Protein backbone atom coordinates (compact mmCIF):
# COMPACT_ATOMS: atom_id res chain seq x y z
CA MET A 1 -44.68 -14.82 -32.84
CA SER A 2 -45.47 -13.09 -36.11
CA PHE A 3 -47.83 -14.23 -38.84
CA ARG A 4 -48.10 -13.65 -42.54
CA ARG A 5 -51.05 -11.53 -43.54
CA PRO A 6 -53.77 -13.72 -45.14
CA VAL A 7 -53.92 -12.77 -48.82
CA PRO A 8 -57.28 -13.37 -50.52
CA ARG A 9 -57.23 -15.34 -53.73
CA ILE A 10 -59.80 -12.98 -55.19
CA GLY A 11 -60.19 -9.24 -54.82
CA ASP A 12 -57.55 -6.80 -53.60
CA PRO A 13 -54.32 -8.57 -52.51
CA THR A 14 -52.64 -5.42 -51.16
CA SER A 15 -52.27 -4.57 -47.49
CA ALA A 16 -52.75 -1.25 -45.73
CA ALA A 17 -48.99 -1.14 -45.11
CA GLU A 18 -48.29 -1.41 -48.83
CA ARG A 19 -50.83 1.27 -49.66
CA ALA A 20 -49.48 3.57 -46.96
CA SER A 21 -45.89 3.19 -48.13
CA ALA A 22 -46.74 3.95 -51.75
CA PRO A 23 -50.07 5.82 -52.09
CA GLY A 24 -49.45 6.50 -55.78
CA ALA A 25 -48.53 2.93 -56.75
CA TRP A 26 -51.92 2.40 -58.43
CA ALA A 27 -51.04 4.94 -61.10
CA LEU A 28 -50.58 4.04 -64.77
CA PRO A 29 -47.71 6.41 -65.57
CA ASP A 30 -47.20 5.16 -69.12
CA ASP A 31 -50.82 6.00 -69.98
CA ILE A 32 -51.27 9.41 -68.37
CA ALA A 33 -50.06 11.46 -71.32
CA SER A 34 -52.01 9.32 -73.79
CA LEU A 35 -55.21 9.70 -71.79
CA ALA A 36 -54.73 13.45 -71.59
CA ARG A 37 -54.26 13.60 -75.38
CA VAL A 38 -57.42 11.58 -76.01
CA VAL A 39 -59.49 13.67 -73.59
CA GLY A 40 -58.16 16.89 -75.08
CA ALA A 41 -58.77 15.70 -78.67
CA ARG A 42 -62.35 14.51 -78.18
CA ARG A 43 -64.67 16.32 -80.60
CA ASP A 44 -68.35 16.29 -81.49
CA ILE A 45 -68.04 15.21 -85.15
CA ARG A 46 -70.66 16.29 -87.72
CA ARG A 47 -69.22 15.17 -91.07
CA TYR A 48 -68.54 11.50 -91.87
CA ARG A 49 -67.18 9.31 -94.61
CA ALA A 50 -69.15 6.31 -95.78
CA ASP A 51 -66.37 3.77 -95.11
CA PRO A 52 -67.61 0.94 -92.90
CA VAL A 53 -66.61 0.63 -89.25
CA PRO A 54 -64.84 -2.71 -88.64
CA ASP A 55 -66.70 -5.03 -86.30
CA ASP A 56 -63.80 -5.27 -83.85
CA VAL A 57 -63.58 -1.47 -83.54
CA LEU A 58 -67.36 -1.19 -83.04
CA THR A 59 -67.14 -3.91 -80.38
CA ALA A 60 -64.32 -2.02 -78.64
CA VAL A 61 -66.47 1.13 -78.49
CA LEU A 62 -69.51 -0.75 -77.15
CA THR A 63 -67.37 -2.63 -74.63
CA ALA A 64 -66.01 0.67 -73.31
CA GLY A 65 -69.56 1.88 -72.79
CA HIS A 66 -70.48 -1.33 -71.00
CA ARG A 67 -67.52 -0.84 -68.66
CA GLY A 68 -68.84 2.51 -67.52
CA PRO A 69 -69.71 3.20 -63.88
CA SER A 70 -73.35 2.57 -62.99
CA VAL A 71 -75.37 3.40 -59.90
CA GLY A 72 -75.74 0.30 -57.73
CA HIS A 73 -74.00 -1.68 -60.50
CA SER A 74 -77.39 -1.63 -62.23
CA GLN A 75 -75.98 -1.40 -65.79
CA PRO A 76 -79.14 0.36 -67.03
CA TRP A 77 -77.79 1.06 -70.52
CA ARG A 78 -78.91 -0.70 -73.66
CA PHE A 79 -77.06 -0.01 -76.93
CA ILE A 80 -79.24 -0.13 -80.04
CA VAL A 81 -76.96 -0.32 -83.08
CA VAL A 82 -78.64 1.06 -86.22
CA ALA A 83 -77.19 0.41 -89.68
CA GLN A 84 -80.27 0.34 -91.93
CA GLN A 85 -80.53 3.43 -94.10
CA ALA A 86 -84.31 3.63 -93.80
CA THR A 87 -84.15 3.91 -90.00
CA ARG A 88 -81.39 6.51 -90.20
CA ASP A 89 -83.39 8.54 -92.72
CA ALA A 90 -86.47 8.49 -90.49
CA ALA A 91 -84.38 9.60 -87.50
CA ALA A 92 -82.76 12.36 -89.54
CA LEU A 93 -86.19 13.68 -90.52
CA MET A 94 -87.22 13.79 -86.87
CA ALA A 95 -84.06 15.72 -86.00
CA ASP A 96 -84.66 18.19 -88.82
CA ARG A 97 -88.21 18.86 -87.62
CA SER A 98 -87.04 19.35 -84.05
CA ARG A 99 -84.28 21.70 -85.18
CA LEU A 100 -86.78 23.91 -87.00
CA ARG A 101 -89.15 23.93 -84.01
CA GLN A 102 -86.32 24.87 -81.65
CA ALA A 103 -85.07 27.60 -83.99
CA ALA A 104 -88.56 29.11 -84.08
CA GLY A 105 -88.33 29.79 -80.36
CA MET A 106 -84.93 31.52 -80.50
CA THR A 107 -83.80 35.01 -81.29
CA GLU A 108 -83.11 35.58 -84.95
CA GLU A 109 -79.34 35.48 -84.56
CA SER A 110 -79.35 32.31 -82.46
CA ALA A 111 -81.81 30.66 -84.83
CA ARG A 112 -79.55 31.31 -87.78
CA GLY A 113 -76.63 29.83 -85.91
CA LEU A 114 -78.61 26.68 -85.17
CA LEU A 115 -79.80 26.30 -88.75
CA ASP A 116 -76.25 26.75 -90.04
CA LEU A 117 -75.04 23.74 -88.05
CA ARG A 118 -74.66 20.57 -90.08
CA LEU A 119 -76.72 17.67 -88.74
CA GLU A 120 -76.24 15.30 -91.64
CA GLY A 121 -74.29 12.86 -89.51
CA ILE A 122 -77.38 10.74 -88.84
CA ARG A 123 -77.60 10.02 -92.59
CA GLU A 124 -73.87 10.05 -93.39
CA ALA A 125 -72.36 8.02 -90.55
CA PRO A 126 -72.41 4.29 -91.36
CA VAL A 127 -73.45 3.40 -87.81
CA GLY A 128 -75.91 4.93 -85.39
CA VAL A 129 -75.95 3.92 -81.74
CA VAL A 130 -78.88 4.88 -79.56
CA VAL A 131 -78.10 4.60 -75.85
CA ALA A 132 -81.33 3.77 -74.03
CA CYS A 133 -81.81 3.67 -70.27
CA ASP A 134 -83.92 0.86 -68.86
CA ARG A 135 -85.69 2.53 -65.93
CA ARG A 136 -88.27 -0.15 -65.26
CA THR A 137 -86.69 -1.17 -61.97
CA PRO A 138 -88.12 1.10 -59.23
CA ALA A 139 -85.56 3.65 -58.01
CA ALA A 140 -85.99 2.51 -54.40
CA GLY A 141 -84.80 -0.96 -55.38
CA VAL A 142 -81.43 0.22 -56.74
CA LEU A 143 -78.63 1.20 -54.38
CA GLY A 144 -78.06 4.95 -54.79
CA ARG A 145 -81.22 5.76 -56.75
CA ALA A 146 -83.64 6.15 -53.86
CA THR A 147 -82.05 9.52 -53.08
CA PHE A 148 -80.93 10.39 -56.64
CA PRO A 149 -83.56 8.75 -58.87
CA ASP A 150 -81.93 10.06 -62.07
CA ALA A 151 -78.56 8.47 -61.30
CA ASP A 152 -79.36 5.74 -63.84
CA LEU A 153 -79.47 8.38 -66.58
CA TRP A 154 -76.16 9.80 -65.35
CA SER A 155 -74.71 6.29 -65.53
CA CYS A 156 -75.73 6.07 -69.19
CA ALA A 157 -74.12 9.46 -69.83
CA ALA A 158 -70.90 8.16 -68.26
CA ALA A 159 -71.07 5.16 -70.60
CA ILE A 160 -71.38 7.53 -73.56
CA GLU A 161 -68.23 9.37 -72.47
CA ASN A 162 -66.36 6.05 -72.34
CA MET A 163 -67.55 5.28 -75.87
CA TRP A 164 -66.58 8.75 -77.08
CA LEU A 165 -63.02 8.55 -75.80
CA THR A 166 -62.54 5.02 -77.12
CA ALA A 167 -63.83 6.04 -80.55
CA ARG A 168 -61.41 8.96 -80.60
CA ALA A 169 -58.48 6.74 -79.67
CA HIS A 170 -59.33 4.48 -82.64
CA GLY A 171 -59.62 7.48 -84.95
CA LEU A 172 -63.41 7.25 -85.20
CA GLY A 173 -65.65 10.26 -85.02
CA LEU A 174 -68.65 10.37 -82.70
CA GLY A 175 -71.40 12.97 -82.63
CA TRP A 176 -74.14 13.14 -79.98
CA VAL A 177 -77.48 14.36 -81.38
CA THR A 178 -80.30 15.20 -78.96
CA LEU A 179 -82.50 17.21 -81.34
CA PHE A 180 -85.33 14.69 -81.03
CA GLU A 181 -88.70 14.47 -79.41
CA PRO A 182 -87.94 11.55 -77.07
CA ALA A 183 -91.34 9.90 -77.63
CA GLU A 184 -90.89 9.96 -81.44
CA LEU A 185 -87.45 8.37 -81.28
CA ALA A 186 -88.70 5.77 -78.79
CA GLU A 187 -91.55 4.83 -81.11
CA LEU A 188 -89.21 4.57 -84.11
CA LEU A 189 -87.00 2.10 -82.25
CA GLY A 190 -89.79 0.20 -80.50
CA LEU A 191 -88.71 1.08 -76.97
CA PRO A 192 -91.05 -0.32 -74.29
CA ASP A 193 -92.60 1.87 -71.64
CA GLY A 194 -90.08 2.68 -68.92
CA VAL A 195 -87.10 2.78 -71.30
CA GLU A 196 -85.79 6.24 -72.19
CA THR A 197 -83.38 7.29 -74.90
CA LEU A 198 -80.46 9.65 -74.40
CA GLY A 199 -80.37 10.63 -78.05
CA TRP A 200 -78.50 9.33 -81.08
CA LEU A 201 -74.77 8.72 -81.43
CA CYS A 202 -73.37 9.05 -84.95
CA LEU A 203 -70.33 6.78 -85.36
CA GLY A 204 -67.98 6.57 -88.30
CA TRP A 205 -64.74 7.76 -89.86
CA PRO A 206 -64.67 11.58 -89.66
CA ASP A 207 -64.67 13.74 -92.77
CA GLU A 208 -63.31 16.61 -90.68
CA ARG A 209 -60.51 16.91 -88.18
CA PRO A 210 -61.38 19.97 -86.11
CA PRO A 211 -58.58 21.39 -83.94
CA GLU A 212 -61.09 22.77 -81.41
CA PRO A 213 -64.72 22.02 -80.43
CA GLY A 214 -67.17 22.73 -83.22
CA LEU A 215 -69.54 25.00 -81.29
CA GLU A 216 -66.60 26.98 -79.97
CA ARG A 217 -65.29 27.34 -83.52
CA ALA A 218 -68.76 28.39 -84.68
CA GLY A 219 -68.85 31.15 -82.08
CA TRP A 220 -71.56 29.72 -79.82
CA SER A 221 -69.44 29.91 -76.68
CA LYS A 222 -65.94 29.54 -75.29
CA ARG A 223 -64.67 27.12 -72.71
CA LEU A 224 -64.67 28.79 -69.31
CA PRO A 225 -61.41 29.01 -67.34
CA LEU A 226 -61.07 26.21 -64.81
CA GLU A 227 -61.09 28.61 -61.87
CA GLN A 228 -64.60 29.76 -62.83
CA VAL A 229 -66.09 26.30 -62.49
CA VAL A 230 -64.19 24.92 -59.47
CA MET A 231 -65.45 25.76 -55.99
CA ARG A 232 -63.99 24.74 -52.66
CA GLU A 233 -66.05 23.08 -49.94
CA ARG A 234 -69.46 24.39 -51.15
CA TRP A 235 -71.17 26.77 -53.57
CA SER A 236 -68.99 29.84 -53.31
CA GLU A 237 -71.84 32.34 -53.20
CA ARG A 238 -72.52 31.24 -49.61
CA ASP A 239 -70.26 31.03 -46.59
CA ALA A 240 -69.25 27.52 -45.58
CA PRO A 241 -70.62 26.20 -42.25
CA THR A 242 -68.09 26.52 -39.49
CA SER A 243 -67.55 24.20 -36.56
CA HIS A 244 -65.58 25.27 -33.53
CA LEU A 245 -65.06 21.62 -32.64
CA ARG A 246 -62.77 19.14 -34.32
CA ALA A 247 -63.54 15.88 -36.11
CA PRO A 248 -60.71 13.40 -36.78
CA GLU A 249 -58.45 14.39 -39.65
CA PRO A 250 -58.43 12.15 -42.76
CA ALA A 251 -54.91 10.97 -41.89
CA GLU A 252 -56.10 9.85 -38.46
CA LEU A 253 -59.03 7.94 -39.93
CA VAL A 254 -56.80 6.20 -42.47
CA ALA A 255 -54.24 5.35 -39.79
CA ALA A 256 -56.96 3.74 -37.67
CA ARG A 257 -58.13 1.67 -40.63
CA ASP A 258 -54.53 0.72 -41.44
CA ARG A 259 -54.05 -0.64 -37.93
CA SER A 260 -57.12 -2.85 -38.29
CA ASP A 261 -55.77 -4.16 -41.59
CA GLU A 262 -52.79 -5.63 -39.74
CA LEU A 263 -54.98 -8.04 -37.77
CA LEU A 264 -55.03 -11.77 -38.48
CA THR A 265 -58.61 -11.67 -39.75
CA VAL A 266 -60.50 -10.73 -42.87
CA PRO A 267 -61.32 -7.01 -43.36
CA GLY A 268 -64.68 -6.05 -41.89
CA SER A 269 -64.97 -9.29 -39.92
CA LEU A 270 -66.80 -7.53 -37.06
CA GLY A 271 -69.36 -5.86 -39.32
CA VAL A 272 -70.81 -2.63 -37.91
CA LEU A 273 -68.46 -2.90 -34.95
CA ASP A 274 -65.46 -2.55 -37.26
CA THR A 275 -66.84 0.72 -38.59
CA VAL A 276 -67.36 2.00 -35.05
CA LEU A 277 -63.92 0.89 -33.90
CA ASP A 278 -62.18 2.50 -36.87
CA ARG A 279 -63.99 5.75 -36.08
CA ILE A 280 -63.34 5.91 -32.36
CA THR A 281 -59.73 4.69 -32.47
CA ALA A 282 -59.00 7.70 -34.66
CA LEU A 283 -59.79 9.79 -31.58
CA PRO A 284 -57.28 10.30 -28.78
CA ALA A 285 -59.65 9.98 -25.81
CA VAL A 286 -60.74 6.33 -25.91
CA ASP A 287 -58.62 4.87 -23.11
CA GLY A 288 -60.07 4.50 -19.64
CA ALA A 289 -63.06 2.83 -18.03
CA GLY A 290 -65.55 5.48 -19.09
CA THR A 291 -68.65 6.96 -17.49
CA LEU A 292 -72.41 6.67 -17.75
CA VAL A 293 -73.90 10.15 -17.37
CA VAL A 294 -77.57 10.11 -16.37
CA ALA A 295 -79.48 13.40 -16.39
CA ALA A 296 -82.83 13.55 -14.60
CA ALA A 297 -85.65 16.10 -14.70
CA ASP A 298 -89.39 16.42 -14.24
CA HIS A 299 -91.78 17.59 -16.97
CA ALA A 300 -94.92 19.67 -16.63
CA VAL A 301 -96.34 18.04 -19.76
CA THR A 302 -97.29 15.02 -17.60
CA ALA A 303 -100.34 17.04 -16.55
CA TYR A 304 -101.87 16.16 -19.93
CA GLY A 305 -101.94 12.44 -19.15
CA VAL A 306 -99.10 11.42 -21.45
CA SER A 307 -97.41 8.92 -19.12
CA ALA A 308 -98.54 5.73 -17.42
CA PHE A 309 -96.43 6.57 -14.35
CA ASP A 310 -96.65 9.16 -11.61
CA PRO A 311 -94.07 11.97 -11.92
CA SER A 312 -92.64 10.96 -8.54
CA VAL A 313 -91.02 7.94 -10.22
CA THR A 314 -88.38 10.28 -11.64
CA ALA A 315 -87.05 11.08 -8.17
CA ASP A 316 -87.18 7.40 -7.17
CA VAL A 317 -85.12 6.25 -10.14
CA ALA A 318 -82.68 9.13 -9.67
CA ARG A 319 -82.14 8.11 -6.04
CA ALA A 320 -81.59 4.48 -7.07
CA THR A 321 -79.08 5.67 -9.66
CA ARG A 322 -77.11 7.52 -6.97
CA GLU A 323 -77.17 4.39 -4.84
CA GLY A 324 -76.05 2.18 -7.73
CA THR A 325 -79.19 0.04 -7.82
CA SER A 326 -81.13 1.41 -10.81
CA MET A 327 -81.23 -0.51 -14.09
CA GLY A 328 -78.85 1.97 -15.67
CA ALA A 329 -76.39 1.95 -12.78
CA VAL A 330 -76.24 -1.85 -12.64
CA ALA A 331 -75.78 -2.06 -16.43
CA ALA A 332 -73.01 0.53 -16.18
CA ARG A 333 -71.24 -1.40 -13.44
CA SER A 334 -71.34 -4.59 -15.50
CA ALA A 335 -69.69 -2.67 -18.36
CA GLY A 336 -67.00 -1.27 -16.07
CA LEU A 337 -68.39 2.28 -16.22
CA GLN A 338 -68.52 4.90 -13.49
CA VAL A 339 -71.92 6.52 -12.97
CA GLU A 340 -72.65 10.22 -12.62
CA LEU A 341 -76.15 11.55 -12.00
CA ILE A 342 -76.91 15.17 -12.91
CA ASP A 343 -80.01 16.75 -11.38
CA ALA A 344 -81.36 18.81 -14.28
CA GLY A 345 -84.68 19.74 -12.71
CA ILE A 346 -86.10 17.15 -10.30
CA GLY A 347 -89.03 18.74 -8.49
CA TRP A 348 -89.19 21.96 -10.52
CA ALA A 349 -90.78 21.32 -13.91
CA ARG A 350 -91.22 24.53 -15.95
CA GLY A 351 -93.35 25.01 -19.08
CA ASP A 352 -95.87 22.42 -20.27
CA LEU A 353 -94.93 22.74 -24.02
CA VAL A 354 -98.55 23.32 -25.07
CA THR A 355 -98.92 26.81 -23.61
CA THR A 356 -95.41 27.76 -22.52
CA ASP A 357 -91.80 26.94 -23.31
CA ALA A 358 -90.14 24.11 -21.43
CA LEU A 359 -87.26 26.35 -20.29
CA ASP A 360 -86.59 30.06 -20.23
CA GLU A 361 -83.41 31.27 -21.90
CA PRO A 362 -81.28 31.76 -18.74
CA THR A 363 -82.17 28.31 -17.42
CA TYR A 364 -81.45 26.65 -20.77
CA ALA A 365 -78.08 28.41 -21.04
CA ALA A 366 -77.13 27.42 -17.50
CA LEU A 367 -78.04 23.74 -18.00
CA LEU A 368 -76.31 23.59 -21.38
CA GLY A 369 -73.19 25.12 -19.84
CA LEU A 370 -73.29 22.70 -16.90
CA GLY A 371 -73.48 19.74 -19.26
CA ARG A 372 -70.71 21.06 -21.45
CA GLU A 373 -68.38 21.52 -18.50
CA ARG A 374 -69.04 18.00 -17.20
CA GLY A 375 -68.62 16.56 -20.69
CA ARG A 376 -65.19 18.15 -21.12
CA GLU A 377 -64.03 16.69 -17.80
CA LEU A 378 -65.53 13.22 -18.26
CA ALA A 379 -64.09 12.71 -21.76
CA ALA A 380 -60.73 12.00 -20.14
CA THR A 381 -62.21 8.99 -18.30
CA GLY A 382 -62.92 7.09 -21.52
CA PRO A 383 -66.13 6.63 -23.51
CA VAL A 384 -69.07 8.63 -22.18
CA ALA A 385 -72.41 6.82 -22.33
CA LEU A 386 -75.61 8.85 -22.03
CA GLY A 387 -78.77 8.08 -20.09
CA GLU A 388 -81.80 10.02 -18.90
CA VAL A 389 -84.60 9.80 -16.37
CA GLY A 390 -87.78 11.82 -16.68
CA VAL A 391 -91.39 10.67 -16.62
CA GLY A 392 -93.03 12.04 -19.75
CA ASN A 393 -89.82 12.63 -21.66
CA THR A 394 -90.68 10.34 -24.58
CA THR A 395 -93.36 12.91 -25.42
CA VAL A 396 -90.83 15.68 -24.99
CA ALA A 397 -88.20 13.92 -27.12
CA ALA A 398 -90.76 13.22 -29.85
CA ALA A 399 -91.69 16.91 -29.96
CA VAL A 400 -88.04 17.98 -30.24
CA ALA A 401 -87.39 15.40 -32.97
CA ALA A 402 -90.46 16.53 -34.92
CA ALA A 403 -89.37 20.15 -34.67
CA MET A 404 -85.81 19.52 -35.89
CA LEU A 405 -86.81 17.04 -38.61
CA ALA A 406 -89.92 18.94 -39.76
CA LEU A 407 -92.16 15.92 -39.17
CA PRO A 408 -95.81 15.78 -38.08
CA ALA A 409 -96.78 14.42 -34.68
CA LYS A 410 -98.18 11.19 -36.15
CA ASP A 411 -94.72 10.27 -37.47
CA VAL A 412 -92.86 10.72 -34.18
CA VAL A 413 -95.10 9.73 -31.27
CA GLY A 414 -94.67 6.20 -29.93
CA ARG A 415 -95.93 4.23 -26.94
CA GLY A 416 -93.18 5.16 -24.52
CA SER A 417 -93.32 3.02 -21.37
CA SER A 418 -96.61 1.11 -21.18
CA ALA A 419 -98.93 3.63 -22.86
CA ASP A 420 -102.30 2.42 -24.17
CA ALA A 421 -104.06 3.58 -27.34
CA ALA A 422 -105.87 6.45 -25.64
CA MET A 423 -102.66 7.71 -24.08
CA VAL A 424 -100.84 7.56 -27.41
CA GLU A 425 -103.61 9.67 -28.92
CA ARG A 426 -103.22 12.21 -26.10
CA LYS A 427 -99.47 12.31 -26.73
CA ARG A 428 -100.06 13.00 -30.43
CA ASP A 429 -102.45 15.80 -29.58
CA VAL A 430 -100.01 17.38 -27.12
CA VAL A 431 -97.12 17.19 -29.57
CA SER A 432 -99.27 18.63 -32.38
CA ARG A 433 -100.34 21.58 -30.24
CA ALA A 434 -96.82 22.19 -28.98
CA LEU A 435 -95.43 22.14 -32.53
CA ALA A 436 -98.13 24.50 -33.77
CA ARG A 437 -97.27 26.95 -31.01
CA VAL A 438 -93.52 26.86 -31.63
CA ARG A 439 -93.61 26.72 -35.39
CA GLY A 440 -96.20 29.42 -35.70
CA SER A 441 -96.89 27.91 -39.11
CA LEU A 442 -99.87 26.86 -41.16
CA ARG A 443 -101.50 23.49 -40.77
CA GLY A 444 -103.43 21.71 -43.49
CA GLY A 445 -100.62 19.56 -44.81
CA ILE A 446 -98.06 22.31 -45.45
CA ALA A 447 -94.70 20.94 -44.39
CA PRO A 448 -93.04 23.30 -41.89
CA ALA A 449 -89.37 24.22 -41.97
CA PRO A 450 -87.15 22.63 -39.33
CA VAL A 451 -86.85 24.46 -36.03
CA GLY A 452 -83.33 25.42 -34.96
CA ALA A 453 -81.64 23.04 -32.54
CA ALA A 454 -81.29 25.47 -29.62
CA GLU A 455 -84.89 26.66 -29.97
CA ALA A 456 -86.21 23.10 -30.20
CA VAL A 457 -84.42 21.90 -27.05
CA ARG A 458 -85.22 25.03 -25.04
CA ARG A 459 -88.85 25.41 -26.00
CA LEU A 460 -89.92 21.78 -26.41
CA GLY A 461 -87.29 19.84 -24.47
CA GLY A 462 -86.49 20.06 -20.82
CA GLY A 463 -83.74 20.04 -18.24
CA GLU A 464 -82.18 16.65 -18.98
CA LEU A 465 -82.18 17.28 -22.74
CA ALA A 466 -80.43 20.63 -22.29
CA VAL A 467 -77.81 19.08 -20.00
CA LEU A 468 -77.14 16.09 -22.27
CA THR A 469 -76.85 18.33 -25.32
CA GLY A 470 -74.16 20.19 -23.41
CA VAL A 471 -72.48 16.94 -22.37
CA VAL A 472 -72.22 15.87 -26.01
CA LEU A 473 -70.67 19.21 -26.97
CA GLY A 474 -68.22 19.05 -24.07
CA VAL A 475 -67.09 15.49 -24.78
CA VAL A 476 -66.53 16.32 -28.44
CA GLU A 477 -64.64 19.48 -27.50
CA ALA A 478 -62.27 17.23 -25.54
CA SER A 479 -61.98 14.78 -28.50
CA GLY A 480 -63.91 12.07 -26.69
CA VAL A 481 -66.45 9.41 -27.67
CA VAL A 482 -70.19 9.57 -26.91
CA VAL A 483 -72.32 6.41 -26.81
CA LEU A 484 -76.03 7.10 -27.25
CA ASP A 485 -78.97 5.27 -25.68
CA GLY A 486 -82.57 5.77 -26.79
CA LEU A 487 -84.58 8.50 -28.48
CA ALA A 488 -84.03 11.22 -25.87
CA THR A 489 -80.23 10.95 -25.87
CA SER A 490 -80.16 10.69 -29.68
CA VAL A 491 -82.25 13.85 -29.98
CA CYS A 492 -79.66 15.61 -27.81
CA ALA A 493 -76.90 14.37 -30.09
CA LEU A 494 -78.81 15.60 -33.14
CA ALA A 495 -79.20 19.03 -31.55
CA ALA A 496 -75.48 19.12 -30.78
CA ALA A 497 -74.62 18.08 -34.34
CA ARG A 498 -76.85 20.82 -35.74
CA LEU A 499 -74.97 23.32 -33.56
CA GLU A 500 -71.52 21.89 -34.35
CA PRO A 501 -71.16 19.68 -37.47
CA ALA A 502 -68.00 17.95 -36.14
CA VAL A 503 -70.07 16.24 -33.43
CA ALA A 504 -71.30 13.40 -35.66
CA ALA A 505 -67.80 11.91 -36.03
CA HIS A 506 -67.64 11.31 -32.27
CA LEU A 507 -70.96 9.47 -31.87
CA VAL A 508 -71.78 5.79 -31.46
CA ALA A 509 -75.40 4.66 -31.70
CA GLY A 510 -75.66 2.21 -28.85
CA GLN A 511 -79.10 0.93 -29.74
CA ARG A 512 -82.31 1.52 -31.63
CA SER A 513 -85.21 1.66 -29.22
CA ARG A 514 -88.90 0.97 -29.73
CA GLU A 515 -89.74 4.67 -30.01
CA LYS A 516 -91.33 5.45 -33.34
CA CYS A 517 -88.96 8.12 -34.63
CA HIS A 518 -85.69 6.86 -33.13
CA ALA A 519 -84.67 5.28 -36.43
CA ALA A 520 -85.30 8.58 -38.26
CA VAL A 521 -83.10 10.49 -35.79
CA LEU A 522 -80.26 7.95 -36.14
CA GLN A 523 -80.60 8.11 -39.90
CA GLU A 524 -80.30 11.89 -39.77
CA LEU A 525 -77.09 11.42 -37.78
CA GLY A 526 -75.82 8.84 -40.28
CA LEU A 527 -75.46 6.18 -37.59
CA GLU A 528 -76.13 2.43 -37.51
CA PRO A 529 -77.12 1.07 -34.09
CA LEU A 530 -75.04 -1.64 -32.46
CA LEU A 531 -78.05 -3.19 -30.72
CA ASP A 532 -81.66 -3.63 -31.78
CA LEU A 533 -83.26 -5.36 -28.81
CA ARG A 534 -86.48 -3.31 -28.43
CA ILE A 535 -85.13 -1.91 -25.15
CA ARG A 536 -87.42 0.62 -23.47
CA ALA A 537 -85.77 0.94 -20.05
CA GLY A 538 -84.17 4.35 -20.54
CA GLU A 539 -81.62 5.31 -17.85
CA GLY A 540 -78.74 4.56 -20.24
CA VAL A 541 -79.22 0.78 -20.13
CA GLY A 542 -78.78 0.35 -23.89
CA ALA A 543 -75.83 2.74 -23.95
CA ALA A 544 -74.11 0.85 -21.11
CA LEU A 545 -74.62 -2.52 -22.80
CA ALA A 546 -73.32 -1.13 -26.09
CA THR A 547 -70.30 0.47 -24.39
CA GLY A 548 -69.44 -2.89 -22.87
CA LEU A 549 -69.65 -4.41 -26.35
CA VAL A 550 -67.37 -1.71 -27.76
CA LYS A 551 -64.84 -2.23 -24.95
CA ASP A 552 -64.87 -5.98 -25.56
CA ALA A 553 -64.34 -5.39 -29.29
CA LEU A 554 -61.40 -3.07 -28.58
CA ALA A 555 -59.90 -5.75 -26.33
CA LEU A 556 -60.45 -8.27 -29.12
CA ARG A 557 -58.56 -6.10 -31.57
CA ASN A 558 -55.75 -5.52 -29.11
CA GLY A 559 -55.37 -9.23 -28.47
CA VAL A 560 -55.54 -10.56 -32.02
CA ALA A 561 -52.25 -11.46 -33.70
CA ARG A 562 -50.68 -8.94 -36.06
CA THR A 563 -49.51 -9.78 -39.55
CA PHE A 564 -46.76 -8.50 -41.79
């Protein structure tokens, strides 16, 4: 039985099938040539007639500005419309003073060119519009400004461009004057603290109709050819990063999203799970029961008293994993996963991190290669969940994370399994000393540069981290899906992603653990965790539970009715 696709009464009524059949149907073909003419004819006007600007035309220009794009839909612009001659005269005087001050700092030829430019528009144009940016909302509170705090100013600049093009379409001239001391202009207009001006817009009927830009006509510069300002992939003076592995192609990602759009449910109904499902169904290797890979190793760093458990527990848990009775193995069985244990160094811990490297180069290469080979083979079984066993490895994982993320020990060291305050302090001290040795950098608050992924895992990691880094690389090489567990497995995924950028597209964050820096590692990978249950079991328990959730969600999608 087939069903009609539910069509929302608000928002986008189109379906993925419609969009796929006609990708260009959103075009406005009757307006393309007109828009191109307006864009090409935009000019910075300097001479104006005194004829008034009709209110409806002024409103159209201001409305266009208010329809501009804004970061986090914050609409930070405020349009101060100035018509009084006294205010325009005062602003013109400020601009004249600034022009003379700027000319004084130029070469003689450039100064003459600046002084020859007409700036009478502030006085002549019947309307002045000052676009001010209200920045009083903290950047961290606006979506998109925490990382680019000046995006509110860029939004105001985009509003100005809208106003400029609309004015040109109506036959109005607009000139943007920034020859002001910002504080002087702010005082003239009574701007409160935290509100910044982007200069003065002269608006009126033009008393010139320049065929080309004024500064170009005046000999200041010429417009560069397009090929000189367009770069592909990255800044062309540097080589682009290469990945020998493959992420899903855009067409595959879109096709996966299109398939989900056919379901008899609202888009995004499964929240974060929908994002994960769209990503992994774009990959070919998602069928099959899947496997939990558990890597186990001992760590010499336990000699510094960084764990509440005896190192012999590693061998005990590894044996229980082989027998199918460990926490991880039982969780895997409940999720329908096979279990594979890889001995990555039980009974032969190498360097203690503080005085010597965790692994020598041949051992690291061998373990990485072993993991990569197993990852390639296991990808065909379905999703590959990761787990680890190793007393002391929360200290090890914290050190590797700190090295790759350039963080101090205090920001990465957590309690691990059952540590008390004194033990946490010992862990911080060990990680600090290990980082100082590997970084070979200054202390005293100077932020070190990140350590390379291979160096971090080899020198500060251990056997299970080297193996699991290889497993991630191998699974991705075979176009498979990797489900992460806690901090240690996520650190391995981060190392793999630093080595091969395509890795990130194949990862699923199974959970966020209690470890202090796990959230920072997931953030660096751009992943949202499926579970946040404060799990601290290790062994792949969180990854197995999350894999079961993903498999259930895939079954849900497969069983839901399709629409047309």
